Amino acid sequence: MRIALAFVLVFAATPALAATGQEVFNDKCGECHTTDAASTPTAPSLKGVVGRNIASLKDYQYSPALKAKQGDWTEQALDTFLFNPRGFAPGTDMLVGAPDPGDRKAIIDYLKTLK
C-alpha cells in the first residue's frame, strides 16, 4: 500500500515540477529578451530566431563579436551559445547562459514555436 501510494504521489507531482519552455525562457532570458517583433535596447527579439542569420535584426545593435559570427541560429548553434555565450562569441555582450542541458533544450524548443 505504501509503495503504491508513493508511486502515485511521485507521478502525480511530476508535471507540477517540470517547467515549460516558456517558464524556463522567462526565468533565464525574459529579463532582457522579448518574444515580440521588436528588440529592446538591452537585447534582440528572439521571435523567429531559430533559423535566422546570426546578428541580422536591423533594429538591434549587436556586439562586434556576434557580428563577426557567420551562419544561422540553428538548434546546435543556440545550444552552444546558451551553454557558454562568451565561448561561442568571445566579447559578446550576453553574460548569462543556461548551463543545464535540460534548460537549454526547453528554451530552444520554446523558441522554435515563435514564428
N, C-alpha and C. Protein backbone atom coordinates (compact mmCIF):
# COMPACT_ATOMS: atom_id res chain seq x y z
N MET A 1 0.83 -1.20 0.00
CA MET A 1 0.00 0.00 0.00
C MET A 1 0.87 1.26 0.00
N ARG A 2 1.90 1.30 0.86
CA ARG A 2 2.76 2.48 0.93
C ARG A 2 3.51 2.68 -0.39
N ILE A 3 3.95 1.59 -0.98
CA ILE A 3 4.67 1.70 -2.25
C ILE A 3 3.75 2.25 -3.33
N ALA A 4 2.54 1.73 -3.38
CA ALA A 4 1.58 2.20 -4.37
C ALA A 4 1.27 3.68 -4.15
N LEU A 5 1.10 4.10 -2.91
CA LEU A 5 0.83 5.50 -2.61
C LEU A 5 2.02 6.38 -2.99
N ALA A 6 3.21 5.92 -2.68
CA ALA A 6 4.40 6.68 -3.04
C ALA A 6 4.52 6.80 -4.55
N PHE A 7 4.24 5.73 -5.26
CA PHE A 7 4.28 5.71 -6.72
C PHE A 7 3.30 6.73 -7.29
N VAL A 8 2.09 6.75 -6.78
CA VAL A 8 1.07 7.69 -7.25
C VAL A 8 1.49 9.12 -6.94
N LEU A 9 2.01 9.38 -5.77
CA LEU A 9 2.42 10.73 -5.39
C LEU A 9 3.57 11.24 -6.26
N VAL A 10 4.53 10.37 -6.54
CA VAL A 10 5.66 10.77 -7.37
C VAL A 10 5.19 11.15 -8.76
N PHE A 11 4.38 10.31 -9.38
CA PHE A 11 3.94 10.60 -10.73
C PHE A 11 2.89 11.70 -10.79
N ALA A 12 2.13 11.87 -9.76
CA ALA A 12 1.17 12.97 -9.72
C ALA A 12 1.89 14.30 -9.58
N ALA A 13 3.02 14.29 -8.88
CA ALA A 13 3.76 15.53 -8.66
C ALA A 13 4.67 15.89 -9.82
N THR A 14 5.03 14.95 -10.66
CA THR A 14 5.99 15.19 -11.72
C THR A 14 5.60 16.34 -12.64
N PRO A 15 4.38 16.41 -13.20
CA PRO A 15 4.06 17.53 -14.09
C PRO A 15 4.17 18.89 -13.40
N ALA A 16 3.87 18.96 -12.15
CA ALA A 16 3.96 20.24 -11.44
C ALA A 16 5.41 20.66 -11.28
N LEU A 17 6.32 19.70 -11.23
CA LEU A 17 7.73 20.01 -11.05
C LEU A 17 8.39 20.38 -12.38
N ALA A 18 7.89 19.89 -13.47
CA ALA A 18 8.50 20.14 -14.77
C ALA A 18 8.09 21.52 -15.28
N ALA A 19 9.08 22.36 -15.54
CA ALA A 19 8.79 23.69 -16.06
C ALA A 19 8.63 23.62 -17.57
N THR A 20 7.79 24.46 -18.10
CA THR A 20 7.63 24.53 -19.54
C THR A 20 8.77 25.34 -20.13
N GLY A 21 8.96 25.22 -21.43
CA GLY A 21 9.99 26.00 -22.09
C GLY A 21 9.79 27.49 -21.91
N GLN A 22 8.52 27.91 -21.95
CA GLN A 22 8.24 29.33 -21.76
C GLN A 22 8.62 29.78 -20.35
N GLU A 23 8.36 28.95 -19.37
CA GLU A 23 8.73 29.30 -17.99
C GLU A 23 10.24 29.39 -17.83
N VAL A 24 10.96 28.45 -18.42
CA VAL A 24 12.42 28.48 -18.34
C VAL A 24 12.93 29.72 -19.08
N PHE A 25 12.37 29.99 -20.26
CA PHE A 25 12.75 31.18 -21.01
C PHE A 25 12.52 32.43 -20.16
N ASN A 26 11.34 32.56 -19.59
CA ASN A 26 11.03 33.74 -18.78
C ASN A 26 11.99 33.89 -17.62
N ASP A 27 12.35 32.78 -17.00
CA ASP A 27 13.25 32.80 -15.86
C ASP A 27 14.68 33.15 -16.25
N LYS A 28 15.16 32.59 -17.33
CA LYS A 28 16.57 32.74 -17.69
C LYS A 28 16.83 33.84 -18.72
N CYS A 29 15.85 34.13 -19.57
CA CYS A 29 16.09 35.02 -20.71
C CYS A 29 15.18 36.25 -20.73
N GLY A 30 14.01 36.12 -20.11
CA GLY A 30 12.96 37.12 -20.24
C GLY A 30 13.25 38.48 -19.66
N GLU A 31 14.24 38.57 -18.78
CA GLU A 31 14.56 39.88 -18.22
C GLU A 31 15.13 40.82 -19.28
N CYS A 32 15.82 40.26 -20.25
CA CYS A 32 16.44 41.09 -21.30
C CYS A 32 15.76 40.93 -22.66
N HIS A 33 15.43 39.70 -23.04
CA HIS A 33 14.90 39.42 -24.37
C HIS A 33 13.38 39.45 -24.39
N THR A 34 12.84 39.82 -25.55
CA THR A 34 11.40 39.76 -25.77
C THR A 34 11.12 38.66 -26.80
N THR A 35 9.87 38.31 -26.88
CA THR A 35 9.42 37.39 -27.93
C THR A 35 8.47 38.13 -28.87
N ASP A 36 8.42 39.44 -28.74
CA ASP A 36 7.67 40.31 -29.65
C ASP A 36 8.52 40.54 -30.89
N ALA A 37 7.96 41.23 -31.84
CA ALA A 37 8.70 41.51 -33.08
C ALA A 37 9.84 42.51 -32.86
N ALA A 38 9.69 43.41 -31.89
CA ALA A 38 10.68 44.47 -31.70
C ALA A 38 11.70 44.10 -30.63
N SER A 39 12.94 44.48 -30.89
CA SER A 39 14.00 44.31 -29.91
C SER A 39 13.89 45.39 -28.84
N THR A 40 14.62 45.20 -27.76
CA THR A 40 14.71 46.21 -26.71
C THR A 40 16.11 46.83 -26.80
N PRO A 41 16.36 47.91 -26.09
CA PRO A 41 17.73 48.45 -26.08
C PRO A 41 18.74 47.47 -25.46
N THR A 42 18.25 46.56 -24.64
CA THR A 42 19.11 45.62 -23.94
C THR A 42 19.45 44.39 -24.76
N ALA A 43 18.50 43.88 -25.54
CA ALA A 43 18.71 42.61 -26.23
C ALA A 43 17.79 42.49 -27.44
N PRO A 44 18.22 41.67 -28.41
CA PRO A 44 17.37 41.48 -29.58
C PRO A 44 16.14 40.63 -29.28
N SER A 45 15.10 40.85 -30.09
CA SER A 45 13.92 40.00 -30.00
C SER A 45 14.31 38.59 -30.42
N LEU A 46 13.73 37.61 -29.77
CA LEU A 46 14.01 36.22 -30.12
C LEU A 46 12.86 35.59 -30.90
N LYS A 47 11.90 36.39 -31.30
CA LYS A 47 10.82 35.88 -32.16
C LYS A 47 11.44 35.49 -33.50
N GLY A 48 11.26 34.25 -33.91
CA GLY A 48 11.79 33.78 -35.18
C GLY A 48 13.28 33.56 -35.20
N VAL A 49 13.91 33.47 -34.05
CA VAL A 49 15.36 33.34 -34.01
C VAL A 49 15.87 32.03 -34.60
N VAL A 50 15.13 30.93 -34.41
CA VAL A 50 15.60 29.64 -34.91
C VAL A 50 15.57 29.68 -36.44
N GLY A 51 16.74 29.52 -37.04
CA GLY A 51 16.88 29.56 -38.49
C GLY A 51 17.27 30.92 -39.04
N ARG A 52 17.23 31.94 -38.20
CA ARG A 52 17.58 33.30 -38.64
C ARG A 52 19.10 33.45 -38.69
N ASN A 53 19.58 34.32 -39.57
CA ASN A 53 21.01 34.62 -39.61
C ASN A 53 21.43 35.23 -38.28
N ILE A 54 22.62 34.87 -37.83
CA ILE A 54 23.16 35.43 -36.59
C ILE A 54 23.37 36.93 -36.76
N ALA A 55 22.98 37.69 -35.76
CA ALA A 55 23.17 39.15 -35.70
C ALA A 55 22.56 39.85 -36.92
N SER A 56 21.33 39.50 -37.26
CA SER A 56 20.76 40.02 -38.50
C SER A 56 19.57 40.97 -38.33
N LEU A 57 19.10 41.19 -37.13
CA LEU A 57 17.97 42.11 -36.96
C LEU A 57 18.44 43.55 -37.15
N LYS A 58 17.67 44.29 -37.92
CA LYS A 58 18.02 45.69 -38.22
C LYS A 58 17.78 46.62 -37.04
N ASP A 59 16.88 46.23 -36.12
CA ASP A 59 16.53 47.13 -35.02
C ASP A 59 17.35 46.89 -33.75
N TYR A 60 18.46 46.16 -33.88
CA TYR A 60 19.30 45.92 -32.70
C TYR A 60 20.77 46.09 -33.07
N GLN A 61 21.52 46.74 -32.19
CA GLN A 61 22.95 46.93 -32.38
C GLN A 61 23.71 45.80 -31.69
N TYR A 62 24.12 44.82 -32.46
CA TYR A 62 24.84 43.65 -31.92
C TYR A 62 26.28 44.00 -31.58
N SER A 63 26.86 43.20 -30.71
CA SER A 63 28.27 43.34 -30.38
C SER A 63 29.11 42.95 -31.60
N PRO A 64 30.31 43.50 -31.71
CA PRO A 64 31.20 43.08 -32.80
C PRO A 64 31.44 41.56 -32.79
N ALA A 65 31.44 40.95 -31.62
CA ALA A 65 31.66 39.51 -31.52
C ALA A 65 30.57 38.72 -32.24
N LEU A 66 29.32 39.13 -32.07
CA LEU A 66 28.24 38.43 -32.76
C LEU A 66 28.18 38.83 -34.24
N LYS A 67 28.49 40.07 -34.55
CA LYS A 67 28.51 40.48 -35.96
C LYS A 67 29.54 39.67 -36.75
N ALA A 68 30.60 39.26 -36.09
CA ALA A 68 31.66 38.50 -36.76
C ALA A 68 31.30 37.04 -36.99
N LYS A 69 30.27 36.56 -36.32
CA LYS A 69 29.86 35.16 -36.48
C LYS A 69 29.13 34.98 -37.81
N GLN A 70 29.39 33.88 -38.44
CA GLN A 70 28.74 33.54 -39.71
C GLN A 70 27.70 32.45 -39.45
N GLY A 71 26.71 32.38 -40.28
CA GLY A 71 25.75 31.29 -40.22
C GLY A 71 24.43 31.68 -39.61
N ASP A 72 23.66 30.65 -39.32
CA ASP A 72 22.30 30.81 -38.80
C ASP A 72 22.22 30.32 -37.36
N TRP A 73 21.16 30.75 -36.69
CA TRP A 73 20.86 30.25 -35.35
C TRP A 73 20.16 28.90 -35.50
N THR A 74 20.95 27.88 -35.70
CA THR A 74 20.43 26.52 -35.72
C THR A 74 20.22 26.08 -34.27
N GLU A 75 19.56 24.95 -34.09
CA GLU A 75 19.40 24.43 -32.73
C GLU A 75 20.76 24.19 -32.10
N GLN A 76 21.71 23.67 -32.87
CA GLN A 76 23.05 23.40 -32.32
C GLN A 76 23.77 24.70 -31.96
N ALA A 77 23.68 25.70 -32.83
CA ALA A 77 24.33 26.99 -32.54
C ALA A 77 23.73 27.63 -31.29
N LEU A 78 22.40 27.58 -31.18
CA LEU A 78 21.75 28.12 -29.99
C LEU A 78 22.18 27.36 -28.74
N ASP A 79 22.25 26.04 -28.84
CA ASP A 79 22.66 25.23 -27.69
C ASP A 79 24.07 25.60 -27.25
N THR A 80 24.97 25.74 -28.21
CA THR A 80 26.36 26.10 -27.90
C THR A 80 26.43 27.49 -27.29
N PHE A 81 25.70 28.43 -27.86
CA PHE A 81 25.69 29.80 -27.35
C PHE A 81 25.12 29.86 -25.94
N LEU A 82 23.99 29.19 -25.74
CA LEU A 82 23.36 29.22 -24.42
C LEU A 82 24.22 28.53 -23.36
N PHE A 83 24.96 27.51 -23.76
CA PHE A 83 25.84 26.83 -22.81
C PHE A 83 26.94 27.77 -22.32
N ASN A 84 27.54 28.52 -23.26
CA ASN A 84 28.65 29.39 -22.91
C ASN A 84 28.71 30.54 -23.92
N PRO A 85 27.97 31.61 -23.69
CA PRO A 85 27.92 32.70 -24.65
C PRO A 85 29.31 33.25 -25.03
N ARG A 86 30.15 33.43 -24.05
CA ARG A 86 31.48 34.01 -24.32
C ARG A 86 32.43 33.01 -24.96
N GLY A 87 32.15 31.72 -24.80
CA GLY A 87 32.92 30.71 -25.52
C GLY A 87 32.52 30.67 -26.99
N PHE A 88 31.25 30.86 -27.26
CA PHE A 88 30.73 30.86 -28.62
C PHE A 88 31.18 32.10 -29.39
N ALA A 89 31.08 33.25 -28.73
CA ALA A 89 31.42 34.53 -29.36
C ALA A 89 32.17 35.39 -28.34
N PRO A 90 33.50 35.16 -28.21
CA PRO A 90 34.27 35.93 -27.24
C PRO A 90 34.07 37.44 -27.45
N GLY A 91 33.66 38.12 -26.39
CA GLY A 91 33.39 39.54 -26.47
C GLY A 91 31.91 39.88 -26.60
N THR A 92 31.05 38.85 -26.65
CA THR A 92 29.62 39.12 -26.73
C THR A 92 29.15 39.87 -25.49
N ASP A 93 28.09 40.61 -25.65
CA ASP A 93 27.51 41.35 -24.53
C ASP A 93 26.69 40.46 -23.61
N MET A 94 26.30 39.28 -24.09
CA MET A 94 25.48 38.39 -23.27
C MET A 94 26.36 37.73 -22.21
N LEU A 95 26.00 37.95 -20.97
CA LEU A 95 26.81 37.46 -19.86
C LEU A 95 26.34 36.11 -19.32
N VAL A 96 25.04 35.89 -19.33
CA VAL A 96 24.47 34.73 -18.66
C VAL A 96 23.94 33.76 -19.69
N GLY A 97 24.26 32.49 -19.50
CA GLY A 97 23.74 31.44 -20.36
C GLY A 97 22.84 30.50 -19.58
N ALA A 98 22.75 29.31 -20.08
CA ALA A 98 21.96 28.26 -19.43
C ALA A 98 22.80 26.99 -19.44
N PRO A 99 23.59 26.78 -18.40
CA PRO A 99 24.49 25.63 -18.40
C PRO A 99 23.79 24.27 -18.33
N ASP A 100 22.57 24.22 -17.83
CA ASP A 100 21.85 22.95 -17.71
C ASP A 100 21.31 22.52 -19.07
N PRO A 101 21.66 21.31 -19.54
CA PRO A 101 21.18 20.87 -20.86
C PRO A 101 19.66 20.78 -20.96
N GLY A 102 18.99 20.43 -19.90
CA GLY A 102 17.53 20.37 -19.92
C GLY A 102 16.91 21.74 -20.10
N ASP A 103 17.49 22.74 -19.43
CA ASP A 103 17.02 24.11 -19.59
C ASP A 103 17.24 24.60 -21.02
N ARG A 104 18.42 24.30 -21.57
CA ARG A 104 18.71 24.74 -22.94
C ARG A 104 17.73 24.11 -23.92
N LYS A 105 17.48 22.83 -23.78
CA LYS A 105 16.54 22.16 -24.67
C LYS A 105 15.15 22.77 -24.56
N ALA A 106 14.70 23.02 -23.33
CA ALA A 106 13.37 23.61 -23.12
C ALA A 106 13.30 25.00 -23.75
N ILE A 107 14.34 25.80 -23.60
CA ILE A 107 14.37 27.14 -24.17
C ILE A 107 14.33 27.06 -25.70
N ILE A 108 15.16 26.21 -26.28
CA ILE A 108 15.22 26.09 -27.73
C ILE A 108 13.91 25.56 -28.29
N ASP A 109 13.34 24.57 -27.63
CA ASP A 109 12.04 24.05 -28.08
C ASP A 109 10.97 25.15 -28.04
N TYR A 110 11.02 25.99 -27.02
CA TYR A 110 10.08 27.10 -26.95
C TYR A 110 10.35 28.11 -28.07
N LEU A 111 11.61 28.44 -28.28
CA LEU A 111 11.95 29.40 -29.33
C LEU A 111 11.51 28.93 -30.70
N LYS A 112 11.52 27.63 -30.93
CA LYS A 112 11.09 27.08 -32.22
C LYS A 112 9.61 27.35 -32.49
N THR A 113 8.84 27.59 -31.43
CA THR A 113 7.41 27.86 -31.60
C THR A 113 7.12 29.32 -31.94
N LEU A 114 8.11 30.17 -31.82
CA LEU A 114 7.92 31.62 -32.00
C LEU A 114 8.24 32.01 -33.44
N LYS A 115 7.25 31.93 -34.28
CA LYS A 115 7.44 32.22 -35.71
C LYS A 115 7.15 33.66 -36.02
